[in-house]
C-alpha atoms as a PDB file:
ATOM      1  CA  MET A   1     191.784 146.844  81.104  1.00  0.00           C
ATOM      2  CA  GLY A   2     191.261 143.637  79.351  1.00  0.00           C
ATOM      3  CA  GLY A   3     187.943 142.164  79.312  1.00  0.00           C
ATOM      4  CA  GLY A   4     184.385 142.902  79.384  1.00  0.00           C
ATOM      5  CA  PRO A   5     182.434 145.358  76.744  1.00  0.00           C
ATOM      6  CA  GLN A   6     184.625 143.833  74.268  1.00  0.00           C
ATOM      7  CA  ASP A   7     182.759 140.125  75.153  1.00  0.00           C
ATOM      8  CA  GLY A   8     179.361 141.537  75.167  1.00  0.00           C
ATOM      9  CA  LEU A   9     179.193 141.847  78.954  1.00  0.00           C
ATOM     10  CA  VAL A  10     179.040 145.380  80.779  1.00  0.00           C
ATOM     11  CA  LYS A  11     181.282 146.621  82.449  1.00  0.00           C
ATOM     12  CA  CYS A  12     179.896 148.329  86.312  1.00  0.00           C
ATOM     13  CA  SER A  13     181.128 151.627  87.143  1.00  0.00           C
ATOM     14  CA  ALA A  14     181.398 151.307  91.524  1.00  0.00           C
ATOM     15  CA  PRO A  15     182.693 152.922  94.498  1.00  0.00           C
ATOM     16  CA  MET A  16     186.089 152.888  95.602  1.00  0.00           C
ATOM     17  CA  TYR A  17     186.776 149.580  97.665  1.00  0.00           C
ATOM     18  CA  HIS A  18     188.637 149.077 100.392  1.00  0.00           C
ATOM     19  CA  LEU A  19     190.908 146.272 100.664  1.00  0.00           C
ATOM     20  CA  ALA A  20     188.581 143.300 101.718  1.00  0.00           C
ATOM     21  CA  MET A  21     188.789 139.548 101.317  1.00  0.00           C
ATOM     22  CA  CYS A  22     188.653 138.575  98.821  1.00  0.00           C
ATOM     23  CA  GLY A  23     189.827 142.311  96.896  1.00  0.00           C
ATOM     24  CA  ARG A  24     192.689 141.844  94.619  1.00  0.00           C
ATOM     25  CA  PHE A  25     194.183 139.152  92.719  1.00  0.00           C
ATOM     26  CA  ALA A  26     196.288 138.114  89.422  1.00  0.00           C
ATOM     27  CA  LEU A  27     195.867 136.227  86.265  1.00  0.00           C
ATOM     28  CA  GLY A  28     198.793 136.108  84.227  1.00  0.00           C
ATOM     29  CA  ILE A  29     199.962 133.490  82.262  1.00  0.00           C
ATOM     30  CA  PRO A  30     199.455 132.902  78.385  1.00  0.00           C
ATOM     31  CA  ARG A  31     196.426 132.109  76.862  1.00  0.00           C
ATOM     32  CA  LYS A  32     197.795 128.865  75.645  1.00  0.00           C
ATOM     33  CA  ARG A  33     198.153 127.564  79.001  1.00  0.00           C
ATOM     34  CA  LEU A  34     195.171 129.081  80.240  1.00  0.00           C
ATOM     35  CA  GLU A  35     192.999 126.941  77.769  1.00  0.00           C
ATOM     36  CA  GLU A  36     194.480 124.033  78.482  1.00  0.00           C
ATOM     37  CA  VAL A  37     193.980 124.754  82.344  1.00  0.00           C
ATOM     38  CA  LEU A  38     190.478 125.663  81.404  1.00  0.00           C
ATOM     39  CA  GLY A  39     189.714 122.759  78.926  1.00  0.00           C
ATOM     40  CA  CYS A  40     187.814 125.507  76.906  1.00  0.00           C
ATOM     41  CA  PRO A  41     188.971 128.692  74.712  1.00  0.00           C
ATOM     42  CA  ALA A  42     189.635 132.146  76.244  1.00  0.00           C
ATOM     43  CA  PRO A  43     187.867 134.902  75.324  1.00  0.00           C
ATOM     44  CA  GLU A  44     189.751 137.130  72.555  1.00  0.00           C
ATOM     45  CA  SER A  45     190.261 139.925  74.519  1.00  0.00           C
ATOM     46  CA  TYR A  46     192.141 138.210  77.118  1.00  0.00           C
ATOM     47  CA  VAL A  47     195.037 139.599  78.298  1.00  0.00           C
ATOM     48  CA  PRO A  48     197.720 138.965  81.291  1.00  0.00           C
ATOM     49  CA  ARG A  49     196.855 140.623  84.287  1.00  0.00           C
ATOM     50  CA  TYR A  50     198.331 141.124  87.858  1.00  0.00           C
ATOM     51  CA  ASN A  51     196.662 143.802  89.620  1.00  0.00           C
ATOM     52  CA  ILE A  52     192.942 142.465  88.901  1.00  0.00           C
ATOM     53  CA  SER A  53     190.410 144.585  91.367  1.00  0.00           C
ATOM     54  CA  PRO A  54     186.556 145.729  92.382  1.00  0.00           C
ATOM     55  CA  SER A  55     184.287 146.790  89.144  1.00  0.00           C
ATOM     56  CA  GLN A  56     186.616 146.013  86.568  1.00  0.00           C
ATOM     57  CA  GLY A  57     185.538 143.016  84.022  1.00  0.00           C
ATOM     58  CA  ILE A  58     187.071 139.658  85.693  1.00  0.00           C
ATOM     59  CA  LEU A  59     187.464 136.429  83.552  1.00  0.00           C
ATOM     60  CA  VAL A  60     184.624 133.397  84.769  1.00  0.00           C
ATOM     61  CA  VAL A  61     183.975 130.656  83.500  1.00  0.00           C
ATOM     62  CA  GLU A  62     180.358 128.981  83.452  1.00  0.00           C
ATOM     63  CA  GLU A  63     178.113 126.359  82.434  1.00  0.00           C
ATOM     64  CA  GLN A  64     175.218 126.674  79.982  1.00  0.00           C
ATOM     65  CA  ASP A  65     172.952 123.583  78.732  1.00  0.00           C
ATOM     66  CA  GLY A  66     175.944 120.882  78.710  1.00  0.00           C
ATOM     67  CA  VAL A  67     178.282 123.314  77.545  1.00  0.00           C
ATOM     68  CA  VAL A  68     181.185 125.276  79.537  1.00  0.00           C
ATOM     69  CA  SER A  69     182.546 128.051  78.276  1.00  0.00           C
ATOM     70  CA  THR A  70     184.532 131.526  79.463  1.00  0.00           C
ATOM     71  CA  GLY A  71     183.476 135.044  79.364  1.00  0.00           C
ATOM     72  CA  TYR A  72     183.570 138.633  81.581  1.00  0.00           C
ATOM     73  CA  ARG A  73     181.189 139.919  84.330  1.00  0.00           C
ATOM     74  CA  SER A  74     181.942 142.431  85.974  1.00  0.00           C
ATOM     75  CA  TRP A  75     183.220 142.198  90.072  1.00  0.00           C
ATOM     76  CA  GLY A  76     180.848 143.434  92.324  1.00  0.00           C
ATOM     77  CA  LEU A  77     177.925 141.346  92.352  1.00  0.00           C
ATOM     78  CA  ILE A  78     174.367 143.676  91.403  1.00  0.00           C
ATOM     79  CA  PRO A  79     170.975 141.566  92.430  1.00  0.00           C
ATOM     80  CA  TYR A  80     168.697 141.052  89.688  1.00  0.00           C
ATOM     81  CA  TRP A  81     165.819 142.819  91.486  1.00  0.00           C
ATOM     82  CA  ALA A  82     167.718 146.398  92.608  1.00  0.00           C
ATOM     83  CA  LYS A  83     165.175 148.797  91.623  1.00  0.00           C
ATOM     84  CA  ALA A  84     168.947 151.506  90.410  1.00  0.00           C
ATOM     85  CA  ARG A  85     172.485 150.522  89.901  1.00  0.00           C
ATOM     86  CA  GLU A  86     172.918 152.805  93.571  1.00  0.00           C
ATOM     87  CA  ALA A  87     170.825 151.194  95.462  1.00  0.00           C
ATOM     88  CA  ILE A  88     172.625 148.500  96.177  1.00  0.00           C
ATOM     89  CA  PRO A  89     176.744 149.171  95.766  1.00  0.00           C
ATOM     90  CA  GLY A  90     178.748 146.205  93.588  1.00  0.00           C
ATOM     91  CA  LEU A  91     178.870 143.479  96.099  1.00  0.00           C
ATOM     92  CA  ILE A  92     182.585 141.682  95.533  1.00  0.00           C
ATOM     93  CA  ASN A  93     182.500 138.955  98.343  1.00  0.00           C
ATOM     94  CA  ALA A  94     179.566 136.746  99.324  1.00  0.00           C
ATOM     95  CA  ARG A  95     179.959 134.647 103.261  1.00  0.00           C
ATOM     96  CA  SER A  96     179.528 130.891 102.319  1.00  0.00           C
ATOM     97  CA  GLU A  97     178.322 130.437 105.334  1.00  0.00           C
ATOM     98  CA  THR A  98     175.038 132.714 104.428  1.00  0.00           C
ATOM     99  CA  VAL A  99     175.325 132.707 101.096  1.00  0.00           C
ATOM    100  CA  PHE A 100     171.977 130.327 100.588  1.00  0.00           C
ATOM    101  CA  GLU A 101     170.177 132.859 103.240  1.00  0.00           C
ATOM    102  CA  LYS A 102     171.169 136.185 102.043  1.00  0.00           C
ATOM    103  CA  PRO A 103     168.326 137.765  99.487  1.00  0.00           C
ATOM    104  CA  ALA A 104     171.417 139.385  97.379  1.00  0.00           C
ATOM    105  CA  PHE A 105     172.665 135.592  96.636  1.00  0.00           C
ATOM    106  CA  ARG A 106     170.349 132.921  97.351  1.00  0.00           C
ATOM    107  CA  ASP A 107     168.832 133.060  93.375  1.00  0.00           C
ATOM    108  CA  ALA A 108     172.544 133.452  92.097  1.00  0.00           C
ATOM    109  CA  MET A 109     174.189 130.320  94.371  1.00  0.00           C
ATOM    110  CA  HIS A 110     171.401 127.954  93.287  1.00  0.00           C
ATOM    111  CA  ARG A 111     171.024 129.159  89.155  1.00  0.00           C
ATOM    112  CA  THR A 112     174.299 130.942  88.113  1.00  0.00           C
ATOM    113  CA  ARG A 113     177.333 129.841  89.915  1.00  0.00           C
ATOM    114  CA  CYS A 114     180.748 130.005  88.071  1.00  0.00           C
ATOM    115  CA  LEU A 115     184.489 129.869  88.192  1.00  0.00           C
ATOM    116  CA  VAL A 116     187.153 132.936  88.533  1.00  0.00           C
ATOM    117  CA  PRO A 117     190.397 131.796  87.678  1.00  0.00           C
ATOM    118  CA  ALA A 118     193.064 133.038  89.678  1.00  0.00           C
ATOM    119  CA  GLN A 119     196.958 132.463  89.804  1.00  0.00           C
ATOM    120  CA  ALA A 120     197.190 134.708  93.014  1.00  0.00           C
ATOM    121  CA  PHE A 121     195.190 136.514  95.087  1.00  0.00           C
ATOM    122  CA  TYR A 122     196.418 139.818  97.493  1.00  0.00           C
ATOM    123  CA  GLU A 123     196.274 140.576 101.077  1.00  0.00           C
ATOM    124  CA  TRP A 124     197.889 142.812 103.057  1.00  0.00           C
ATOM    125  CA  GLU A 125     199.285 142.395 106.890  1.00  0.00           C
ATOM    126  CA  LYS A 126     199.475 145.003 109.229  1.00  0.00           C
ATOM    127  CA  THR A 127     202.681 145.567 110.948  1.00  0.00           C
ATOM    128  CA  GLY A 128     202.269 148.841 113.152  1.00  0.00           C
ATOM    129  CA  ASN A 129     201.767 151.881 110.593  1.00  0.00           C
ATOM    130  CA  ARG A 130     202.651 149.618 107.459  1.00  0.00           C
ATOM    131  CA  LYS A 131     200.826 147.016 105.433  1.00  0.00           C
ATOM    132  CA  GLN A 132     202.729 144.327 103.826  1.00  0.00           C
ATOM    133  CA  PRO A 133     201.371 142.637 100.698  1.00  0.00           C
ATOM    134  CA  TYR A 134     201.056 139.623  99.721  1.00  0.00           C
ATOM    135  CA  ALA A 135     200.535 136.868  97.402  1.00  0.00           C
ATOM    136  CA  LEU A 136     198.788 133.469  98.226  1.00  0.00           C
ATOM    137  CA  GLY A 137     198.630 131.191  95.662  1.00  0.00           C
ATOM    138  CA  MET A 138     198.957 127.086  94.555  1.00  0.00           C
ATOM    139  CA  GLU A 139     202.566 125.629  96.210  1.00  0.00           C
ATOM    140  CA  SER A 140     202.451 123.703  92.573  1.00  0.00           C
ATOM    141  CA  GLY A 141     202.338 127.461  90.781  1.00  0.00           C
ATOM    142  CA  GLU A 142     199.411 126.349  89.043  1.00  0.00           C
ATOM    143  CA  VAL A 143     196.169 128.156  88.287  1.00  0.00           C
ATOM    144  CA  PHE A 144     193.440 127.484  90.918  1.00  0.00           C
ATOM    145  CA  ALA A 145     190.038 128.763  90.563  1.00  0.00           C
ATOM    146  CA  MET A 146     187.988 131.077  93.308  1.00  0.00           C
ATOM    147  CA  ALA A 147     183.768 130.278  93.335  1.00  0.00           C
ATOM    148  CA  GLY A 148     181.526 132.897  92.300  1.00  0.00           C
ATOM    149  CA  ILE A 149     178.023 133.647  91.732  1.00  0.00           C
ATOM    150  CA  GLY A 150     176.414 136.041  89.123  1.00  0.00           C
ATOM    151  CA  SER A 151     173.788 137.761  88.323  1.00  0.00           C
ATOM    152  CA  ARG A 152     172.181 139.653  85.532  1.00  0.00           C
ATOM    153  CA  TRP A 153     171.108 143.361  86.054  1.00  0.00           C
ATOM    154  CA  ILE A 154     168.777 145.288  83.707  1.00  0.00           C
ATOM    155  CA  ASP A 155     168.500 148.869  84.220  1.00  0.00           C
ATOM    156  CA  PRO A 156     164.404 149.566  84.069  1.00  0.00           C
ATOM    157  CA  VAL A 157     165.342 153.280  82.326  1.00  0.00           C
ATOM    158  CA  SER A 158     168.075 152.451  80.085  1.00  0.00           C
ATOM    159  CA  GLY A 159     167.304 148.482  79.182  1.00  0.00           C
ATOM    160  CA  GLU A 160     171.298 148.450  79.874  1.00  0.00           C
ATOM    161  CA  VAL A 161     172.532 144.790  81.152  1.00  0.00           C
ATOM    162  CA  VAL A 162     175.305 143.858  83.768  1.00  0.00           C
ATOM    163  CA  ASP A 163     176.145 140.930  84.056  1.00  0.00           C
ATOM    164  CA  SER A 164     178.550 140.959  87.825  1.00  0.00           C
ATOM    165  CA  VAL A 165     179.961 138.518  89.752  1.00  0.00           C
ATOM    166  CA  ALA A 166     181.015 137.883  93.681  1.00  0.00           C
ATOM    167  CA  ILE A 167     183.219 135.979  94.835  1.00  0.00           C
ATOM    168  CA  LEU A 168     182.511 133.301  97.926  1.00  0.00           C
ATOM    169  CA  THR A 169     184.877 133.693 100.910  1.00  0.00           C
ATOM    170  CA  CYS A 170     185.409 131.145 103.575  1.00  0.00           C
ATOM    171  CA  GLN A 171     186.826 130.446 106.778  1.00  0.00           C
ATOM    172  CA  PRO A 172     190.797 131.036 106.386  1.00  0.00           C
ATOM    173  CA  ASN A 173     193.173 128.296 106.723  1.00  0.00           C
ATOM    174  CA  GLU A 174     196.114 128.180 109.270  1.00  0.00           C
ATOM    175  CA  LYS A 175     198.707 130.067 106.405  1.00  0.00           C
ATOM    176  CA  VAL A 176     196.011 132.487 105.389  1.00  0.00           C
ATOM    177  CA  ALA A 177     194.702 133.149 109.511  1.00  0.00           C
ATOM    178  CA  ALA A 178     198.389 134.302 109.936  1.00  0.00           C
ATOM    179  CA  ILE A 179     197.024 137.931 107.949  1.00  0.00           C
ATOM    180  CA  HIS A 180     193.599 137.626 107.141  1.00  0.00           C
ATOM    181  CA  ASP A 181     190.392 135.954 108.830  1.00  0.00           C
ATOM    182  CA  ARG A 182     188.833 135.143 105.503  1.00  0.00           C
ATOM    183  CA  MET A 183     189.768 133.816 102.338  1.00  0.00           C
ATOM    184  CA  PRO A 184     188.208 132.972  99.273  1.00  0.00           C
ATOM    185  CA  VAL A 185     186.326 129.773  98.787  1.00  0.00           C
ATOM    186  CA  ILE A 186     189.005 127.431  96.027  1.00  0.00           C
ATOM    187  CA  VAL A 187     187.249 125.031  94.437  1.00  0.00           C
ATOM    188  CA  ASP A 188     189.796 122.211  93.552  1.00  0.00           C
ATOM    189  CA  ALA A 189     190.037 121.111  89.788  1.00  0.00           C
ATOM    190  CA  ILE A 190     188.032 117.842  90.401  1.00  0.00           C
ATOM    191  CA  ASP A 191     185.559 119.438  91.786  1.00  0.00           C
ATOM    192  CA  TRP A 192     184.856 122.184  88.961  1.00  0.00           C
ATOM    193  CA  ASN A 193     182.324 120.068  87.347  1.00  0.00           C
ATOM    194  CA  HIS A 194     180.102 119.569  90.007  1.00  0.00           C
ATOM    195  CA  TRP A 195     180.322 123.160  90.947  1.00  0.00           C
ATOM    196  CA  LEU A 196     179.470 124.643  87.643  1.00  0.00           C
ATOM    197  CA  ASN A 197     176.709 121.978  87.471  1.00  0.00           C
ATOM    198  CA  ASN A 198     173.403 123.991  88.199  1.00  0.00           C
ATOM    199  CA  GLU A 199     171.737 120.333  88.882  1.00  0.00           C
ATOM    200  CA  ASN A 200     173.765 120.546  91.990  1.00  0.00           C
ATOM    201  CA  SER A 201     172.136 123.599  93.725  1.00  0.00           C
ATOM    202  CA  THR A 202     171.216 122.735  97.262  1.00  0.00           C
ATOM    203  CA  GLN A 203     173.485 123.227 100.614  1.00  0.00           C
ATOM    204  CA  ALA A 204     173.359 119.780 101.212  1.00  0.00           C
ATOM    205  CA  GLN A 205     174.758 119.403  97.295  1.00  0.00           C
ATOM    206  CA  LEU A 206     177.485 121.820  97.614  1.00  0.00           C
ATOM    207  CA  GLY A 207     178.474 122.935 101.461  1.00  0.00           C
ATOM    208  CA  SER A 208     181.166 119.968 101.335  1.00  0.00           C
ATOM    209  CA  LEU A 209     183.005 122.493  98.942  1.00  0.00           C
ATOM    210  CA  LEU A 210     182.381 125.800 100.457  1.00  0.00           C
ATOM    211  CA  VAL A 211     185.531 125.306 102.837  1.00  0.00           C
ATOM    212  CA  PRO A 212     189.294 126.140 103.784  1.00  0.00           C
ATOM    213  CA  TYR A 213     191.498 125.156 100.626  1.00  0.00           C
ATOM    214  CA  PRO A 214     194.134 122.881 102.256  1.00  0.00           C
ATOM    215  CA  ALA A 215     196.998 125.094 103.703  1.00  0.00           C
ATOM    216  CA  ASP A 216     199.866 122.762 102.721  1.00  0.00           C
ATOM    217  CA  ARG A 217     198.671 122.795  99.056  1.00  0.00           C
ATOM    218  CA  MET A 218     199.598 126.787  98.796  1.00  0.00           C
ATOM    219  CA  ARG A 219     202.443 129.109  99.226  1.00  0.00           C
ATOM    220  CA  VAL A 220     202.085 133.054 100.765  1.00  0.00           C
ATOM    221  CA  TRP A 221     205.494 135.220 100.208  1.00  0.00           C
ATOM    222  CA  PRO A 222     205.663 138.855 100.767  1.00  0.00           C
ATOM    223  CA  VAL A 223     205.464 141.509  97.381  1.00  0.00           C
ATOM    224  CA  SER A 224     205.905 144.743  97.060  1.00  0.00           C
ATOM    225  CA  THR A 225     203.476 147.642  98.200  1.00  0.00           C
ATOM    226  CA  ALA A 226     203.314 148.875  94.420  1.00  0.00           C
ATOM    227  CA  VAL A 227     200.553 146.282  94.596  1.00  0.00           C
ATOM    228  CA  ASN A 228     198.844 148.924  96.873  1.00  0.00           C
ATOM    229  CA  SER A 229     198.133 150.824  93.533  1.00  0.00           C
ATOM    230  CA  VAL A 230     195.590 149.649  91.226  1.00  0.00           C
ATOM    231  CA  THR A 231     196.986 151.579  88.106  1.00  0.00           C
ATOM    232  CA  ASN A 232     200.343 148.903  88.653  1.00  0.00           C
ATOM    233  CA  ASP A 233     199.721 146.183  86.923  1.00  0.00           C
ATOM    234  CA  THR A 234     203.136 143.933  85.689  1.00  0.00           C
ATOM    235  CA  GLN A 235     204.431 140.731  86.532  1.00  0.00           C
ATOM    236  CA  ASP A 236     206.459 142.162  89.001  1.00  0.00           C
ATOM    237  CA  LEU A 237     204.076 142.904  91.281  1.00  0.00           C
ATOM    238  CA  LEU A 238     204.954 138.277  91.798  1.00  0.00           C
ATOM    239  CA  ARG A 239     207.901 138.929  92.573  1.00  0.00           C
ATOM    240  CA  PRO A 240     208.689 137.738  96.825  1.00  0.00           C
ATOM    241  CA  GLU A 241     209.864 141.314  98.076  1.00  0.00           C
ATOM    242  CA  SER A 242     213.153 140.968  99.951  1.00  0.00           C
ATOM    243  CA  ARG A 243     212.014 143.497 102.049  1.00  0.00           C
ATOM    244  CA  ALA A 244     210.015 141.763 104.138  1.00  0.00           C
ATOM    245  CA  THR A 245     210.282 137.452 105.441  1.00  0.00           C
ATOM    246  CA  GLN A 246     208.004 134.878 104.803  1.00  0.00           C
ATOM    247  CA  GLY A 247     209.935 133.248 107.996  1.00  0.00           C
ATOM    248  CA  SER A 248     208.736 135.641 110.132  1.00  0.00           C
ATOM    249  CA  LEU A 249     204.836 134.084 109.366  1.00  0.00           C
ATOM    250  CA  PHE A 250     205.506 130.776 108.560  1.00  0.00           C
END
């Protein structure tokens, strides 16, 4: 998998995850286009990926001392105060409604916010005994950014450093609600700097960003069940699947 260790961020081992929201996503655009969208260089190790899953290194955008940069964090937040990695399994999502209160997230919310670029995220609709996967992205087809919070955990025994991240979730808009009861917090491009600026650290300053993204700016389409397996990681995963019809839901 591209990312993580090559850029100095340590990939953590983690248990198998069920398909939670948001538990899979894609970022498959070329490096040059990604850099144009983000306005800063992408890591040398960046490669397009179409089935990104928990415990893997994922691309994040962060700001430190006024400088915006990209890097990799392991997907599954480990609070800095955890005494052992196994004590708290990597937390892939954080509910925006309680993120300012939960001990696992509140420090990260104040100090280590980041953006997680994506081209689409996946969700599964259960129909009888079958789960139909869907891809969800922007109507424009452009890259978007999910709200993330990061943590740095240092193993008290070995000194190993793990930089990790969780993706924030919120109530779904009407399109997502047809499939799932949660969706990732998507930060509009005009608010990226506001989210990354750690001087904005209170619920009053950030609460307006933790809302469902407008449904009319998103599209949803059925995709192949090949996405179910994390070993599949090709652009074909984003191809519309003819066996299901988007019109049946929307």
